[in-house]
N, C-alpha and C. Protein backbone atom coordinates (compact mmCIF):
# COMPACT_ATOMS: atom_id res chain seq x y z
N MET A 1 148.48 116.24 200.81
CA MET A 1 148.53 116.33 199.39
C MET A 1 149.17 117.56 198.57
N THR A 2 150.07 117.25 198.09
CA THR A 2 150.77 118.74 197.13
C THR A 2 149.98 118.04 196.06
N ILE A 3 150.07 119.65 195.38
CA ILE A 3 149.70 120.12 194.16
C ILE A 3 149.82 118.40 193.49
N ALA A 4 151.19 118.34 193.22
CA ALA A 4 151.68 117.50 191.82
C ALA A 4 151.02 115.90 192.45
N ARG A 5 150.57 115.66 193.77
CA ARG A 5 149.95 114.19 193.89
C ARG A 5 148.48 114.34 194.03
N LEU A 6 147.19 115.81 194.07
CA LEU A 6 146.25 115.66 193.79
C LEU A 6 146.44 115.32 192.06
N THR A 7 147.50 116.17 190.65
CA THR A 7 146.97 116.21 189.96
C THR A 7 147.11 114.80 189.55
N LEU A 8 148.02 114.20 189.94
CA LEU A 8 148.20 112.74 189.71
C LEU A 8 147.53 111.48 189.79
N ALA A 9 146.90 112.20 191.45
CA ALA A 9 145.43 111.02 191.51
C ALA A 9 144.39 111.11 190.25
N ALA A 10 143.66 112.22 190.22
CA ALA A 10 143.09 113.25 189.44
C ALA A 10 143.12 112.52 187.70
N MET A 11 144.60 112.04 187.53
CA MET A 11 144.92 112.23 186.31
C MET A 11 144.52 110.08 186.26
N LEU A 12 144.66 109.52 187.58
CA LEU A 12 144.53 107.91 186.98
C LEU A 12 143.54 107.43 187.64
N ILE A 13 141.97 108.53 188.38
CA ILE A 13 141.27 108.26 188.21
C ILE A 13 140.57 108.35 187.26
N GLY A 14 140.57 109.58 186.08
CA GLY A 14 140.14 109.73 185.21
C GLY A 14 140.74 109.01 184.53
N ALA A 15 141.27 107.86 184.55
CA ALA A 15 141.83 107.04 183.69
C ALA A 15 141.11 105.48 183.18
N GLY A 16 140.85 104.93 184.35
CA GLY A 16 139.96 104.41 184.35
C GLY A 16 139.00 104.14 184.01
N PRO A 17 138.20 102.99 183.29
CA PRO A 17 137.29 102.89 182.33
C PRO A 17 135.87 102.96 183.37
N CYS A 18 135.53 103.84 183.63
CA CYS A 18 134.17 104.18 184.38
C CYS A 18 133.05 104.44 183.97
N ALA A 19 132.74 104.99 182.70
CA ALA A 19 132.14 106.00 182.03
C ALA A 19 131.42 104.91 180.36
N ILE A 20 130.62 105.05 180.02
CA ILE A 20 130.47 104.64 179.09
C ILE A 20 130.90 106.31 177.79
N ALA A 21 132.26 105.67 176.38
CA ALA A 21 132.20 106.52 175.91
C ALA A 21 131.10 107.70 175.37
N ALA A 22 131.24 109.25 175.80
CA ALA A 22 130.19 110.04 175.07
C ALA A 22 130.09 109.94 173.65
N ASN A 23 131.04 109.45 172.68
CA ASN A 23 131.30 110.18 171.04
C ASN A 23 130.96 108.45 170.80
N ALA A 24 130.40 107.23 171.67
CA ALA A 24 130.58 105.97 170.83
C ALA A 24 129.23 105.87 170.40
N ARG A 25 129.23 105.60 169.27
CA ARG A 25 128.35 105.42 168.50
C ARG A 25 127.75 103.57 168.55
N THR A 26 126.26 103.38 168.64
CA THR A 26 125.59 102.86 168.54
C THR A 26 125.34 102.02 166.83
N ALA A 27 125.02 100.30 166.42
CA ALA A 27 125.06 100.11 165.88
C ALA A 27 123.44 100.57 165.82
N GLY A 28 122.60 101.12 164.06
CA GLY A 28 121.47 100.94 164.27
C GLY A 28 120.39 99.35 164.26
N ALA A 29 119.10 98.75 164.53
CA ALA A 29 118.62 98.15 164.09
C ALA A 29 118.64 97.23 163.02
N GLY A 30 119.12 97.45 162.39
CA GLY A 30 119.39 96.95 160.67
C GLY A 30 120.16 96.31 160.39
N ALA A 31 121.44 96.52 161.84
CA ALA A 31 122.84 95.99 161.36
C ALA A 31 122.36 94.21 161.80
N ASP A 32 123.23 93.64 161.06
CA ASP A 32 123.20 92.08 160.81
C ASP A 32 124.50 91.75 161.48
N PHE A 33 124.35 91.40 162.59
CA PHE A 33 125.94 90.93 163.30
C PHE A 33 125.37 89.24 163.18
N ALA A 34 124.15 88.30 162.95
CA ALA A 34 124.36 87.05 162.80
C ALA A 34 124.99 86.00 162.11
N ALA A 35 125.96 86.82 160.53
CA ALA A 35 126.60 86.56 160.42
C ALA A 35 127.95 86.79 160.38
N ALA A 36 128.26 87.66 161.59
CA ALA A 36 129.74 88.25 162.19
C ALA A 36 130.15 87.18 162.14
N GLN A 37 131.71 87.79 161.71
CA GLN A 37 133.27 87.25 161.22
C GLN A 37 133.46 87.78 163.46
N VAL A 38 133.69 86.15 164.06
CA VAL A 38 134.63 86.87 165.42
C VAL A 38 135.85 86.61 165.12
N VAL A 39 136.49 87.76 165.63
CA VAL A 39 137.55 88.42 166.04
C VAL A 39 137.81 87.61 167.06
N GLU A 40 139.45 86.42 167.53
CA GLU A 40 139.19 86.38 168.97
C GLU A 40 140.91 86.71 169.29
N VAL A 41 140.49 88.36 170.22
CA VAL A 41 141.82 88.77 171.57
C VAL A 41 142.21 88.06 172.68
N SER A 42 143.68 87.54 172.68
CA SER A 42 143.56 86.92 174.32
C SER A 42 144.70 87.96 173.93
N LEU A 43 144.03 88.40 175.55
CA LEU A 43 145.22 89.30 176.43
C LEU A 43 145.81 88.91 177.77
N SER A 44 147.30 89.05 177.74
CA SER A 44 148.03 87.82 178.50
C SER A 44 149.43 88.77 179.23
N SER A 45 150.15 88.49 180.26
CA SER A 45 150.93 89.09 180.51
C SER A 45 152.03 88.98 180.18
N PHE A 46 152.27 89.80 179.23
CA PHE A 46 151.77 91.28 179.13
C PHE A 46 152.19 91.47 177.16
N ASP A 47 150.92 90.82 176.80
CA ASP A 47 150.72 91.35 174.95
C ASP A 47 149.54 90.74 174.88
N PHE A 48 148.79 91.45 173.51
CA PHE A 48 148.07 91.18 172.96
C PHE A 48 148.18 90.21 171.92
N THR A 49 147.51 89.17 171.86
CA THR A 49 147.92 88.40 170.44
C THR A 49 146.18 87.95 169.38
N PRO A 50 146.02 88.70 168.49
CA PRO A 50 147.35 88.56 167.77
C PRO A 50 147.07 90.66 168.26
N SER A 51 148.72 91.34 168.21
CA SER A 51 149.09 92.72 167.97
C SER A 51 148.95 93.87 167.31
N THR A 52 148.44 92.86 165.82
CA THR A 52 148.01 94.15 165.14
C THR A 52 146.67 93.09 164.59
N ILE A 53 145.81 93.38 164.65
CA ILE A 53 144.23 93.34 164.38
C ILE A 53 143.43 93.99 162.88
N THR A 54 143.15 93.32 161.70
CA THR A 54 143.00 94.24 160.95
C THR A 54 141.87 92.99 160.35
N LEU A 55 140.86 94.61 160.16
CA LEU A 55 139.11 94.54 159.96
C LEU A 55 138.82 95.52 158.75
N HIS A 56 137.86 94.68 158.29
CA HIS A 56 137.15 95.85 157.19
C HIS A 56 136.15 96.42 157.17
N ALA A 57 135.87 98.07 156.53
CA ALA A 57 134.98 98.72 157.62
C ALA A 57 133.85 98.77 157.42
N GLY A 58 132.87 98.78 157.53
CA GLY A 58 131.48 98.79 157.13
C GLY A 58 130.41 97.21 157.52
N GLN A 59 132.09 96.52 157.82
CA GLN A 59 131.21 94.58 158.38
C GLN A 59 131.07 94.69 160.02
N PRO A 60 130.47 94.00 159.92
CA PRO A 60 130.00 93.74 161.17
C PRO A 60 131.07 92.63 161.64
N TYR A 61 131.78 93.13 163.03
CA TYR A 61 132.34 92.07 163.68
C TYR A 61 131.85 91.23 165.02
N VAL A 62 132.31 90.07 166.04
CA VAL A 62 132.13 89.91 166.93
C VAL A 62 133.78 89.98 167.27
N LEU A 63 134.51 91.20 168.00
CA LEU A 63 135.29 91.04 168.73
C LEU A 63 135.21 90.55 169.79
N HIS A 64 136.08 89.36 170.72
CA HIS A 64 135.69 88.15 171.31
C HIS A 64 137.38 88.50 172.13
N LEU A 65 136.94 88.80 173.46
CA LEU A 65 138.72 89.66 173.84
C LEU A 65 138.12 88.58 175.48
N VAL A 66 139.25 87.97 175.90
CA VAL A 66 140.52 86.79 176.77
C VAL A 66 141.13 87.21 177.16
N ASP A 67 140.59 87.48 178.98
CA ASP A 67 141.74 87.51 179.56
C ASP A 67 142.60 86.52 179.91
N ARG A 68 143.57 85.92 179.78
CA ARG A 68 144.72 84.55 179.38
C ARG A 68 145.45 84.72 181.13
N ALA A 69 145.34 85.59 181.55
CA ALA A 69 146.33 85.84 182.70
C ALA A 69 144.99 85.55 183.84
N ARG A 70 146.06 85.33 185.39
CA ARG A 70 145.46 85.94 186.26
C ARG A 70 144.76 87.13 187.51
N GLY A 71 145.64 87.77 186.12
CA GLY A 71 145.26 89.38 186.39
C GLY A 71 144.82 90.61 185.64
N GLY A 72 144.26 91.61 185.88
CA GLY A 72 143.31 92.36 185.55
C GLY A 72 144.15 93.20 184.02
N HIS A 73 143.16 92.84 182.77
CA HIS A 73 144.03 93.77 181.62
C HIS A 73 142.52 94.53 181.20
N ASP A 74 142.91 95.55 180.16
CA ASP A 74 141.62 95.93 179.77
C ASP A 74 142.34 96.12 177.93
N PHE A 75 141.48 96.40 177.49
CA PHE A 75 141.53 96.68 175.86
C PHE A 75 141.26 98.03 175.15
N THR A 76 141.72 98.56 175.35
CA THR A 76 141.67 100.60 175.59
C THR A 76 142.49 101.00 174.14
N ALA A 77 141.00 101.58 173.29
CA ALA A 77 141.14 101.44 172.50
C ALA A 77 140.35 102.90 171.67
N ARG A 78 140.41 104.17 172.18
CA ARG A 78 139.56 104.80 172.68
C ARG A 78 139.09 105.16 171.57
N GLU A 79 139.59 105.51 170.37
CA GLU A 79 139.26 106.63 169.05
C GLU A 79 138.85 105.31 168.47
N PHE A 80 139.35 104.26 168.20
CA PHE A 80 138.90 102.76 166.87
C PHE A 80 136.72 102.61 167.43
N PHE A 81 136.99 102.12 168.91
CA PHE A 81 135.71 102.72 169.47
C PHE A 81 134.18 103.78 169.69
N GLU A 82 135.59 104.83 169.15
CA GLU A 82 134.60 105.57 169.41
C GLU A 82 133.42 105.87 167.64
N ALA A 83 134.65 105.89 166.87
CA ALA A 83 134.03 105.43 165.22
C ALA A 83 133.49 104.69 164.80
N ALA A 84 133.55 103.49 165.32
CA ALA A 84 133.13 102.01 165.54
C ALA A 84 131.18 102.13 165.66
N GLN A 85 130.71 101.23 165.70
CA GLN A 85 128.66 101.33 165.33
C GLN A 85 128.85 100.23 166.65
N ILE A 86 128.57 100.68 167.87
CA ILE A 86 128.44 99.63 168.59
C ILE A 86 127.50 98.64 168.92
N ALA A 87 127.03 97.68 168.88
CA ALA A 87 125.50 97.17 169.09
C ALA A 87 124.93 97.56 170.32
N PRO A 88 123.75 97.93 170.51
CA PRO A 88 123.43 98.65 171.82
C PRO A 88 123.48 97.46 173.21
N GLN A 89 123.34 96.44 172.40
CA GLN A 89 123.81 95.39 174.03
C GLN A 89 125.31 95.68 174.46
N ASP A 90 126.16 95.91 173.91
CA ASP A 90 127.10 95.92 174.37
C ASP A 90 127.54 97.03 175.06
N ALA A 91 127.13 98.60 174.46
CA ALA A 91 127.72 99.73 174.47
C ALA A 91 128.38 100.00 175.71
N ALA A 92 127.37 99.31 176.62
CA ALA A 92 127.89 99.66 178.24
C ALA A 92 129.47 98.93 178.64
N LYS A 93 129.58 97.92 177.88
CA LYS A 93 130.80 97.37 178.11
C LYS A 93 132.23 97.69 177.72
N VAL A 94 131.85 99.02 176.78
CA VAL A 94 133.00 99.30 176.06
C VAL A 94 133.02 101.31 177.31
N ALA A 95 133.87 101.15 178.37
CA ALA A 95 133.93 102.47 178.34
C ALA A 95 135.00 103.22 178.78
N LYS A 96 134.83 104.92 178.44
CA LYS A 96 136.12 105.86 178.20
C LYS A 96 137.66 104.91 177.55
N GLY A 97 136.57 104.23 176.25
CA GLY A 97 137.31 103.42 175.29
C GLY A 97 138.03 102.35 175.31
N ALA A 98 137.35 102.01 176.61
CA ALA A 98 138.53 100.45 177.22
C ALA A 98 137.28 99.36 177.33
N VAL A 99 137.23 98.29 177.27
CA VAL A 99 136.65 96.89 178.23
C VAL A 99 137.44 96.56 178.85
N ALA A 100 136.86 96.49 180.39
CA ALA A 100 137.89 95.72 181.14
C ALA A 100 137.09 94.22 181.41
N LEU A 101 138.61 93.63 182.02
CA LEU A 101 138.51 91.76 181.96
C LEU A 101 139.35 91.54 183.13
N HIS A 102 138.90 91.15 183.61
CA HIS A 102 139.09 90.23 185.47
C HIS A 102 140.43 89.27 184.80
N GLY A 103 140.76 88.67 185.69
CA GLY A 103 142.00 87.84 185.43
C GLY A 103 140.93 86.00 184.90
N GLY A 104 140.84 85.88 183.47
CA GLY A 104 140.69 84.53 182.93
C GLY A 104 138.35 85.03 182.70
N GLU A 105 138.80 86.50 182.28
CA GLU A 105 137.08 86.56 182.25
C GLU A 105 137.31 86.92 181.06
N THR A 106 136.05 86.36 180.08
CA THR A 106 136.26 87.00 178.79
C THR A 106 134.78 88.38 178.61
N ALA A 107 134.68 88.50 177.13
CA ALA A 107 134.14 89.65 176.73
C ALA A 107 133.71 89.87 175.39
N THR A 108 132.43 89.68 174.94
CA THR A 108 132.35 89.92 172.95
C THR A 108 131.47 91.36 173.00
N VAL A 109 131.70 92.05 172.29
CA VAL A 109 131.79 93.46 171.85
C VAL A 109 130.95 92.88 169.93
N HIS A 110 129.98 93.33 169.79
CA HIS A 110 129.37 93.58 167.92
C HIS A 110 129.30 94.74 167.51
N LEU A 111 130.80 95.25 166.66
CA LEU A 111 130.43 96.49 166.41
C LEU A 111 130.67 95.85 164.99
N ILE A 112 130.99 97.51 164.45
CA ILE A 112 130.85 97.86 163.18
C ILE A 112 131.84 98.63 162.89
N PRO A 113 133.17 98.06 162.58
CA PRO A 113 134.51 99.07 162.50
C PRO A 113 134.78 100.53 161.16
N ALA A 114 134.55 101.55 161.85
CA ALA A 114 134.91 102.66 160.73
C ALA A 114 136.82 102.96 160.27
N PRO A 115 136.72 103.37 159.09
CA PRO A 115 138.05 102.86 157.85
C PRO A 115 139.29 103.93 159.09
N GLY A 116 140.86 103.48 160.04
CA GLY A 116 141.60 104.16 159.76
C GLY A 116 142.15 102.71 160.58
N THR A 117 143.38 103.75 161.34
CA THR A 117 144.49 102.73 161.90
C THR A 117 144.52 103.34 163.02
N TYR A 118 144.36 102.65 164.57
CA TYR A 118 144.27 103.27 165.52
C TYR A 118 144.61 102.49 166.80
N LYS A 119 145.17 102.78 167.55
CA LYS A 119 146.49 102.70 168.96
C LYS A 119 145.40 101.67 169.49
N LEU A 120 146.07 101.05 170.11
CA LEU A 120 145.74 99.21 171.35
C LEU A 120 146.84 99.63 172.46
N VAL A 121 145.92 99.79 173.68
CA VAL A 121 146.73 99.51 174.84
C VAL A 121 146.26 98.45 176.23
N CYS A 122 146.82 97.99 176.80
CA CYS A 122 146.57 97.93 177.78
C CYS A 122 146.96 99.20 178.97
N SER A 123 145.33 99.65 179.83
CA SER A 123 146.12 101.14 180.44
C SER A 123 146.51 100.41 181.89
N HIS A 124 146.61 99.60 181.86
CA HIS A 124 147.23 99.44 183.62
C HIS A 124 148.46 99.70 183.73
N PHE A 125 148.77 100.22 185.18
CA PHE A 125 150.21 101.31 185.01
C PHE A 125 151.13 100.41 184.48
N GLY A 126 151.78 100.20 183.84
CA GLY A 126 153.33 100.10 183.28
C GLY A 126 153.10 98.99 182.25
N HIS A 127 151.86 98.04 182.02
CA HIS A 127 152.17 97.18 181.33
C HIS A 127 151.90 97.40 179.57
N SER A 128 151.66 98.43 178.95
CA SER A 128 151.76 99.30 177.53
C SER A 128 153.50 99.44 177.21
N MET A 129 154.39 99.77 178.74
CA MET A 129 155.83 99.77 178.69
C MET A 129 156.34 98.56 178.44
N LEU A 130 155.81 97.66 179.37
CA LEU A 130 156.21 95.71 179.56
C LEU A 130 155.55 95.25 177.34
N GLY A 131 154.99 96.14 176.37
CA GLY A 131 154.83 95.30 175.70
C GLY A 131 153.20 94.64 175.07
N MET A 132 152.56 95.63 176.39
CA MET A 132 150.64 94.93 176.03
C MET A 132 150.58 96.96 175.15
N LYS A 133 150.52 96.45 173.44
CA LYS A 133 150.06 97.12 173.15
C LYS A 133 150.21 97.11 171.68
N GLY A 134 148.83 97.88 170.70
CA GLY A 134 149.00 96.98 168.97
C GLY A 134 148.40 98.13 168.80
N VAL A 135 147.76 97.36 167.27
CA VAL A 135 146.79 98.70 166.47
C VAL A 135 145.57 97.49 165.75
N ILE A 136 145.18 97.98 165.12
CA ILE A 136 143.73 97.92 165.08
C ILE A 136 144.08 98.58 163.33
N VAL A 137 144.33 97.97 162.41
CA VAL A 137 143.83 98.62 161.09
C VAL A 137 142.65 98.29 160.34
N VAL A 138 142.11 99.36 160.16
CA VAL A 138 140.27 99.09 159.18
C VAL A 138 140.54 99.43 158.37
N ARG A 139 140.28 99.08 157.50
CA ARG A 139 140.13 98.66 155.46
C ARG A 139 139.27 99.60 154.76
């Protein structure tokens, strides 16, 4: 294998969601998600709906992700997840700043977002180039 192929293989292996983000913060025991607003995001080929997600900083949310496609997608927003407080029971769902879904699968993440504007993409090869990208705005 050439050095270029080894480098590409290492990059592809490192890009996959396989470990909990080192900087992810978990929400404290006092976080009340009972009245949290549910925000549903559909993942399809090759689109997030909505593509712009607007949230309020410090407010609890239930992020409900639905893969409406036959194939897998992910909701990759590394900086967003690193800045947010994630409910302890959901922290393992967020690996390297992404939530991976198989076709037809759903995932729910309880979180409290931090202010900022964050990039959202599907990190599967070519998906963002085909339009599967968006933005998360937290005010």
